[in-house]
């Protein structure tokens, strides 16, 4: 699990990962362009952008703030994935989230099953190992066919939504299973991620030439989902026949904030059809765009397909030298426009020579339910 290396998450990382080797980040801070995290297998890169200039709203953004916003938008329109530094989330809080997540997934199966995920509209609670199949399919029939052909995902998860949503309470573990501490820590982390979501959307607005607060009315309530993920330890045979830990898919909402441990395995699809490892970089948050933001931006922003596969060779022996891969833990915060909002092409993305609106308007909540219904 990640450890707290400082008292504040705003401390920038001291190194960057080339493939799976750490290199001093100072080597990449001599240009006005964002530094890049490179994968040595493909010479492909992902931008690394500091959020610091965007953290304080301003009626008159500085040149540095605007440059950061444009770098953010550029990354989302090209790779669709990037690393963020200087996120206002204390490492000590993230460490507690990982520890409590591991403790939850170590509970007896019956205890977790009592908190089972129920419906796409609620989207809260526990999803057991093999229950979900992340996929590019848009219907349950398409996803089920892929599940038969390639097997289900090798993961279990726990979803936490907005705490005050009427009719859809979160499903917390009981006190005997450490529920009080679990609830308090997860709600604090959820709130911090909601604030980070607002920062990212301010940057996107500025990058697109909109008012800095343009998206505020769309994300005020925070109809977002915090998802704890556990990929159990497995032997190499678990990946035989092209099986993966999580199937190729795109995310559904506006953006996703991903926190990953050091185990590796996340890959994003390149435009040429190959894949790039999103190697863990200490002190960063991985940001990627979702399908709804692609629709919202009329295709300008790229929702990149990704998957979780066999970990890198350096981990092949596992911690005990027994030939097994150790467990992988990650935490995803899926950001959405509030569920009562109608999403249609943003100003400046469709007028005149831009060719008009590519998609019909759609309700944010209805869209998410449609996508979740196919994968469970």
Protein backbone atom coordinates (compact mmCIF):
# COMPACT_ATOMS: atom_id res chain seq x y z
CA UNK A 1 0.00 0.00 0.00
CA UNK A 2 1.14 3.56 -0.54
CA UNK A 3 2.75 5.21 2.44
CA UNK A 4 2.65 8.82 3.54
CA UNK A 5 5.89 10.45 2.44
CA UNK A 6 4.87 13.90 3.62
CA UNK A 7 2.09 15.63 5.50
CA UNK A 8 0.62 17.21 2.37
CA UNK A 9 -0.28 15.78 -1.01
CA UNK A 10 0.84 19.03 -2.61
CA UNK A 11 4.48 17.94 -2.22
CA UNK A 12 5.56 17.18 -5.80
CA UNK A 13 7.00 13.77 -6.63
CA UNK A 14 10.78 13.57 -6.69
CA UNK A 15 10.92 11.01 -9.45
CA UNK A 16 9.11 9.88 -12.55
CA UNK A 17 8.72 6.34 -13.86
CA UNK A 18 10.33 5.34 -17.16
CA UNK A 19 8.80 1.93 -17.75
CA UNK A 20 9.35 0.75 -14.19
CA UNK A 21 12.48 2.72 -13.32
CA UNK A 22 12.39 5.93 -11.30
CA UNK A 23 14.25 8.94 -12.72
CA UNK A 24 14.59 12.36 -11.00
CA UNK A 25 11.73 14.57 -12.06
CA UNK A 26 14.02 17.63 -12.04
CA UNK A 27 15.32 16.49 -15.42
CA UNK A 28 11.91 17.28 -16.91
CA UNK A 29 11.18 20.64 -15.34
CA UNK A 30 13.32 22.80 -17.61
CA UNK A 31 10.60 23.56 -20.17
CA UNK A 32 7.32 25.47 -20.17
CA UNK A 33 5.66 22.33 -21.55
CA UNK A 34 4.30 19.74 -19.08
CA UNK A 35 6.82 17.02 -18.20
CA UNK A 36 6.10 13.59 -19.58
CA UNK A 37 6.03 10.14 -18.05
CA UNK A 38 7.53 7.82 -20.66
CA UNK A 39 7.10 4.10 -21.21
CA UNK A 40 10.35 2.61 -22.50
CA UNK A 41 8.61 -0.18 -24.40
CA UNK A 42 6.89 2.18 -26.81
CA UNK A 43 8.53 5.60 -26.37
CA UNK A 44 4.98 6.83 -25.66
CA UNK A 45 4.35 9.45 -23.04
CA UNK A 46 1.64 10.80 -20.77
CA UNK A 47 1.67 14.43 -19.58
CA UNK A 48 2.37 15.27 -15.95
CA UNK A 49 0.66 18.51 -14.91
CA UNK A 50 0.72 20.44 -11.63
CA UNK A 51 -2.70 21.55 -10.40
CA UNK A 52 -1.22 24.26 -8.18
CA UNK A 53 -2.12 27.24 -10.44
CA UNK A 54 -5.77 26.09 -10.60
CA UNK A 55 -6.40 25.57 -6.89
CA UNK A 56 -7.65 29.09 -6.15
CA UNK A 57 -10.53 30.46 -8.27
CA UNK A 58 -9.97 33.93 -9.70
CA UNK A 59 -12.00 36.48 -11.62
CA UNK A 60 -8.84 37.28 -13.58
CA UNK A 61 -6.77 34.11 -14.13
CA UNK A 62 -3.01 34.58 -14.37
CA UNK A 63 -0.94 33.64 -17.39
CA UNK A 64 0.34 30.60 -15.50
CA UNK A 65 -3.20 29.50 -14.68
CA UNK A 66 -4.26 29.81 -18.31
CA UNK A 67 -1.18 27.91 -19.48
CA UNK A 68 -1.99 25.11 -17.04
CA UNK A 69 -5.61 25.03 -18.22
CA UNK A 70 -4.54 24.79 -21.84
CA UNK A 71 -2.06 22.01 -20.99
CA UNK A 72 -4.84 20.13 -19.20
CA UNK A 73 -7.21 20.44 -22.15
CA UNK A 74 -4.45 19.48 -24.59
CA UNK A 75 -3.76 16.29 -22.63
CA UNK A 76 -7.45 15.39 -22.54
CA UNK A 77 -7.87 15.95 -26.27
CA UNK A 78 -4.81 13.90 -27.26
CA UNK A 79 -4.06 11.06 -24.84
CA UNK A 80 -7.20 11.35 -22.70
CA UNK A 81 -5.01 10.26 -19.74
CA UNK A 82 -2.50 12.23 -17.66
CA UNK A 83 -0.83 12.46 -14.27
CA UNK A 84 -1.75 15.27 -11.86
CA UNK A 85 0.55 16.56 -9.13
CA UNK A 86 -0.21 18.93 -6.23
CA UNK A 87 -3.66 17.48 -5.61
CA UNK A 88 -5.06 18.84 -2.31
CA UNK A 89 -5.44 15.41 -0.71
CA UNK A 90 -3.16 14.52 2.24
CA UNK A 91 -1.14 11.34 1.70
CA UNK A 92 -1.98 10.33 5.25
CA UNK A 93 -5.68 10.25 4.30
CA UNK A 94 -4.98 8.18 1.20
CA UNK A 95 -2.94 5.74 3.30
CA UNK A 96 -5.92 5.28 5.63
CA UNK A 97 -8.24 4.75 2.66
CA UNK A 98 -6.01 1.97 1.33
CA UNK A 99 -5.66 0.33 4.74
CA UNK A 100 -9.40 0.35 5.38
CA UNK A 101 -10.10 -0.85 1.86
CA UNK A 102 -7.80 -3.85 2.38
CA UNK A 103 -9.42 -4.54 5.74
CA UNK A 104 -12.89 -4.45 4.18
CA UNK A 105 -12.03 -6.85 1.36
CA UNK A 106 -10.46 -9.23 3.91
CA UNK A 107 -13.83 -9.61 5.67
CA UNK A 108 -15.66 -12.94 5.38
CA UNK A 109 -17.58 -13.28 2.13
CA UNK A 110 -20.91 -13.37 3.97
CA UNK A 111 -20.20 -10.03 5.64
CA UNK A 112 -19.45 -8.38 2.31
CA UNK A 113 -22.40 -10.05 0.58
CA UNK A 114 -24.73 -8.51 3.17
CA UNK A 115 -23.80 -5.13 1.63
CA UNK A 116 -24.32 -6.25 -1.97
CA UNK A 117 -24.70 -3.82 -4.86
CA UNK A 118 -28.38 -3.81 -5.82
CA UNK A 119 -29.34 -1.65 -8.81
CA UNK A 120 -27.68 0.63 -11.39
CA UNK A 121 -29.65 3.60 -10.09
CA UNK A 122 -28.46 3.08 -6.51
CA UNK A 123 -24.93 2.08 -7.57
CA UNK A 124 -23.81 1.50 -4.01
CA UNK A 125 -22.40 -1.44 -2.12
CA UNK A 126 -20.32 -4.55 -2.72
CA UNK A 127 -19.77 -6.29 -6.06
CA UNK A 128 -18.32 -9.78 -5.65
CA UNK A 129 -15.43 -11.31 -7.53
CA UNK A 130 -16.47 -12.14 -11.10
CA UNK A 131 -19.83 -10.40 -10.91
CA UNK A 132 -18.91 -7.51 -13.21
CA UNK A 133 -17.50 -7.54 -16.73
CA UNK A 134 -16.14 -4.18 -17.82
CA UNK A 135 -16.53 -4.06 -21.57
CA UNK A 136 -17.05 -1.91 -24.63
CA UNK A 137 -20.48 -3.47 -25.06
CA UNK A 138 -23.47 -1.15 -24.77
CA UNK A 139 -26.07 -3.83 -24.04
CA UNK A 140 -26.28 -6.62 -21.48
CA UNK A 141 -26.35 -9.18 -24.30
CA UNK A 142 -23.08 -7.87 -25.76
CA UNK A 143 -21.38 -7.84 -22.36
CA UNK A 144 -22.64 -11.32 -21.46
CA UNK A 145 -21.26 -12.69 -24.72
CA UNK A 146 -17.86 -11.22 -23.90
CA UNK A 147 -18.05 -12.63 -20.38
CA UNK A 148 -18.55 -16.12 -21.84
CA UNK A 149 -15.72 -15.70 -24.33
CA UNK A 150 -13.10 -14.02 -22.15
CA UNK A 151 -14.24 -14.59 -18.58
CA UNK A 152 -15.41 -12.07 -15.97
CA UNK A 153 -13.19 -9.43 -14.40
CA UNK A 154 -10.81 -10.66 -11.71
CA UNK A 155 -11.77 -8.05 -9.16
CA UNK A 156 -14.19 -7.14 -6.41
CA UNK A 157 -15.34 -3.62 -5.57
CA UNK A 158 -17.27 -1.43 -3.16
CA UNK A 159 -19.19 1.69 -4.28
CA UNK A 160 -19.94 4.78 -2.18
CA UNK A 161 -22.17 7.56 -3.48
CA UNK A 162 -23.35 10.94 -2.28
CA UNK A 163 -24.31 10.48 1.37
CA UNK A 164 -27.46 12.61 1.36
CA UNK A 165 -29.14 11.28 -1.81
CA UNK A 166 -32.75 10.59 -0.88
CA UNK A 167 -33.86 7.00 -1.39
CA UNK A 168 -30.36 5.68 -2.07
CA UNK A 169 -28.44 5.34 1.21
CA UNK A 170 -24.86 4.16 1.24
CA UNK A 171 -24.33 0.62 2.48
CA UNK A 172 -21.86 0.87 5.36
CA UNK A 173 -20.26 -2.05 7.21
CA UNK A 174 -21.62 -2.54 10.74
CA UNK A 175 -19.72 -1.37 13.80
CA UNK A 176 -18.37 -4.86 14.48
CA UNK A 177 -16.60 -4.77 11.10
CA UNK A 178 -15.04 -1.37 11.74
CA UNK A 179 -17.91 0.47 10.08
CA UNK A 180 -17.66 3.73 12.01
CA UNK A 181 -14.04 4.41 11.09
CA UNK A 182 -14.62 3.15 7.54
CA UNK A 183 -17.56 5.49 7.04
CA UNK A 184 -15.81 8.55 8.49
CA UNK A 185 -12.63 8.11 6.45
CA UNK A 186 -14.39 7.31 3.19
CA UNK A 187 -16.72 10.30 3.48
CA UNK A 188 -13.78 12.60 4.16
CA UNK A 189 -11.95 11.22 1.14
CA UNK A 190 -15.11 11.44 -0.98
CA UNK A 191 -15.46 15.14 -0.09
CA UNK A 192 -11.80 15.84 -0.91
CA UNK A 193 -12.22 14.20 -4.30
CA UNK A 194 -15.35 16.24 -4.95
CA UNK A 195 -13.29 19.40 -4.38
CA UNK A 196 -10.60 18.07 -6.72
CA UNK A 197 -13.26 17.39 -9.36
CA UNK A 198 -14.32 21.04 -9.18
CA UNK A 199 -10.71 22.15 -9.67
CA UNK A 200 -10.34 19.97 -12.76
CA UNK A 201 -13.58 21.25 -14.25
CA UNK A 202 -12.43 24.86 -13.70
CA UNK A 203 -9.29 24.03 -15.65
CA UNK A 204 -11.26 22.44 -18.48
CA UNK A 205 -13.56 25.47 -18.66
CA UNK A 206 -10.63 27.89 -18.93
CA UNK A 207 -8.89 25.68 -21.47
CA UNK A 208 -12.00 25.74 -23.65
CA UNK A 209 -12.34 29.50 -23.43
CA UNK A 210 -15.40 29.36 -21.15
CA UNK A 211 -15.95 31.25 -17.91
CA UNK A 212 -13.96 29.66 -15.09
CA UNK A 213 -17.13 28.82 -13.17
CA UNK A 214 -19.05 27.52 -16.19
CA UNK A 215 -19.37 23.96 -14.86
CA UNK A 216 -20.23 24.88 -11.26
CA UNK A 217 -23.99 24.47 -11.69
CA UNK A 218 -23.44 21.05 -13.28
CA UNK A 219 -21.37 19.60 -10.42
CA UNK A 220 -22.80 21.39 -7.38
CA UNK A 221 -24.42 18.35 -5.72
CA UNK A 222 -21.70 15.90 -6.60
CA UNK A 223 -23.48 12.84 -7.99
CA UNK A 224 -20.19 10.98 -8.03
CA UNK A 225 -19.06 7.51 -7.01
CA UNK A 226 -16.09 6.46 -4.93
CA UNK A 227 -15.07 2.94 -5.87
CA UNK A 228 -12.68 0.77 -3.86
CA UNK A 229 -11.11 -1.98 -5.97
CA UNK A 230 -9.34 -5.18 -5.00
CA UNK A 231 -7.69 -7.49 -7.54
CA UNK A 232 -6.80 -10.65 -5.57
CA UNK A 233 -3.38 -12.23 -5.79
CA UNK A 234 -3.22 -14.78 -8.60
CA UNK A 235 -0.82 -17.11 -10.35
CA UNK A 236 0.34 -16.53 -13.89
CA UNK A 237 -2.21 -19.09 -15.11
CA UNK A 238 -4.98 -16.58 -14.35
CA UNK A 239 -3.89 -14.64 -17.44
CA UNK A 240 -3.82 -17.62 -19.80
CA UNK A 241 -5.68 -17.20 -23.07
CA UNK A 242 -5.55 -13.43 -22.91
CA UNK A 243 -7.58 -13.12 -19.70
CA UNK A 244 -7.20 -9.85 -17.83
CA UNK A 245 -7.98 -8.37 -14.44
CA UNK A 246 -10.39 -5.82 -15.96
CA UNK A 247 -11.56 -5.85 -19.56
CA UNK A 248 -11.00 -3.14 -22.15
CA UNK A 249 -13.48 -0.33 -21.52
CA UNK A 250 -13.99 3.40 -21.33
CA UNK A 251 -15.36 5.22 -18.30
CA UNK A 252 -18.89 6.54 -18.41
CA UNK A 253 -18.95 9.96 -16.75
CA UNK A 254 -17.07 13.22 -17.18
CA UNK A 255 -13.67 12.48 -15.60
CA UNK A 256 -12.17 9.83 -13.35
CA UNK A 257 -9.63 10.39 -10.59
CA UNK A 258 -7.57 7.23 -10.06
CA UNK A 259 -5.30 6.42 -7.15
CA UNK A 260 -3.25 3.24 -7.70
CA UNK A 261 -0.82 1.25 -5.63
CA UNK A 262 2.62 0.17 -6.84
CA UNK A 263 1.50 -3.13 -8.40
CA UNK A 264 0.98 -1.92 -11.97
CA UNK A 265 -1.09 -3.46 -14.75
CA UNK A 266 -3.14 -0.46 -15.93
CA UNK A 267 -2.83 0.14 -19.66
CA UNK A 268 -4.35 2.73 -22.02
CA UNK A 269 -4.97 2.19 -25.70
CA UNK A 270 -2.88 4.21 -28.11
CA UNK A 271 -4.34 5.61 -31.35
CA UNK A 272 -2.47 2.94 -33.32
CA UNK A 273 -4.18 0.16 -31.34
CA UNK A 274 -1.20 -0.68 -29.13
CA UNK A 275 -1.15 -0.18 -25.38
CA UNK A 276 0.80 2.06 -23.01
CA UNK A 277 1.48 1.12 -19.39
CA UNK A 278 0.24 3.75 -16.93
CA UNK A 279 3.03 3.01 -14.49
CA UNK A 280 2.58 4.15 -10.88
CA UNK A 281 4.20 7.56 -10.26
CA UNK A 282 4.63 8.49 -6.62
CA UNK A 283 2.63 11.52 -5.45
CA UNK A 284 0.33 11.71 -8.48
CA UNK A 285 -3.32 11.16 -9.34
CA UNK A 286 -4.19 9.68 -12.72
CA UNK A 287 -6.88 11.66 -14.53
CA UNK A 288 -8.82 10.40 -17.52
CA UNK A 289 -11.82 11.59 -19.48
CA UNK A 290 -15.07 9.64 -19.72
CA UNK A 291 -17.64 9.10 -22.45
CA UNK A 292 -20.03 11.75 -21.21
CA UNK A 293 -17.33 14.43 -21.39
CA UNK A 294 -16.63 13.34 -24.97
CA UNK A 295 -20.31 13.91 -25.78
CA UNK A 296 -20.35 17.17 -23.84
CA UNK A 297 -17.34 18.48 -25.75
CA UNK A 298 -18.81 17.28 -29.07
CA UNK A 299 -15.92 14.87 -29.58
CA UNK A 300 -13.13 17.32 -28.75
CA UNK A 301 -12.06 15.52 -25.56
CA UNK A 302 -10.99 11.91 -25.85
CA UNK A 303 -12.40 9.13 -23.68
CA UNK A 304 -9.57 6.64 -23.97
CA UNK A 305 -10.11 2.92 -23.65
CA UNK A 306 -8.12 1.15 -20.95
CA UNK A 307 -7.76 -2.16 -19.14
CA UNK A 308 -5.96 -3.88 -16.24
CA UNK A 309 -3.75 -6.75 -17.38
CA UNK A 310 -1.00 -9.04 -16.14
CA UNK A 311 1.41 -6.99 -13.98
CA UNK A 312 4.92 -6.16 -15.21
CA UNK A 313 7.61 -8.88 -15.20
CA UNK A 314 9.37 -7.32 -12.21
CA UNK A 315 6.49 -8.51 -10.01
CA UNK A 316 6.20 -11.99 -11.49
CA UNK A 317 7.59 -13.78 -8.45
CA UNK A 318 5.32 -11.98 -6.03
CA UNK A 319 6.38 -10.94 -2.57
CA UNK A 320 7.01 -14.47 -1.33
CA UNK A 321 8.86 -15.80 -4.37
CA UNK A 322 6.05 -18.33 -4.94
CA UNK A 323 5.36 -17.39 -8.54
CA UNK A 324 2.12 -15.59 -7.69
CA UNK A 325 1.28 -11.99 -8.35
CA UNK A 326 0.40 -10.02 -5.20
CA UNK A 327 -2.99 -8.32 -4.80
CA UNK A 328 -3.57 -4.96 -6.45
CA UNK A 329 -5.58 -2.18 -4.80
CA UNK A 330 -6.81 0.98 -6.44
CA UNK A 331 -9.33 3.70 -5.70
CA UNK A 332 -11.37 5.37 -8.43
CA UNK A 333 -13.52 8.46 -8.01
CA UNK A 334 -15.96 8.60 -10.92
CA UNK A 335 -17.12 12.16 -11.55
CA UNK A 336 -20.42 12.92 -13.27
CA UNK A 337 -22.56 15.92 -14.04
CA UNK A 338 -25.37 16.04 -11.46
CA UNK A 339 -28.01 13.48 -12.37
CA UNK A 340 -30.73 16.05 -13.06
CA UNK A 341 -28.61 17.86 -15.66
CA UNK A 342 -29.12 17.57 -19.41
CA UNK A 343 -25.84 17.28 -21.29
CA UNK A 344 -25.44 18.65 -24.81
CA UNK A 345 -22.62 20.06 -26.92
CA UNK A 346 -20.79 22.90 -25.17
CA UNK A 347 -20.59 26.41 -26.64
CA UNK A 348 -17.75 26.74 -29.10
CA UNK A 349 -17.65 23.05 -30.05
CA UNK A 350 -20.31 22.76 -32.75
CA UNK A 351 -21.15 26.11 -34.35
CA UNK A 352 -20.43 27.11 -37.94
CA UNK A 353 -17.69 25.16 -39.66
CA UNK A 354 -17.39 22.77 -36.69
CA UNK A 355 -20.21 20.79 -38.28
CA UNK A 356 -23.03 20.85 -35.77
CA UNK A 357 -23.86 18.69 -32.77
CA UNK A 358 -22.78 15.05 -33.04
CA UNK A 359 -25.06 13.72 -30.28
CA UNK A 360 -28.57 14.41 -29.05
CA UNK A 361 -28.96 15.91 -25.56
CA UNK A 362 -29.07 13.29 -22.80
CA UNK A 363 -29.84 13.25 -19.09
CA UNK A 364 -26.73 12.54 -17.03
CA UNK A 365 -28.40 10.13 -14.59
CA UNK A 366 -30.23 8.18 -17.28
CA UNK A 367 -27.02 7.75 -19.25
CA UNK A 368 -25.13 6.32 -16.27
CA UNK A 369 -27.93 3.86 -15.47
CA UNK A 370 -27.95 2.70 -19.10
CA UNK A 371 -24.21 1.97 -19.05
CA UNK A 372 -24.17 0.31 -15.62
CA UNK A 373 -27.12 -1.92 -16.53
CA UNK A 374 -25.04 -3.56 -19.26
CA UNK A 375 -22.03 -4.51 -17.13
CA UNK A 376 -23.68 -6.03 -14.04
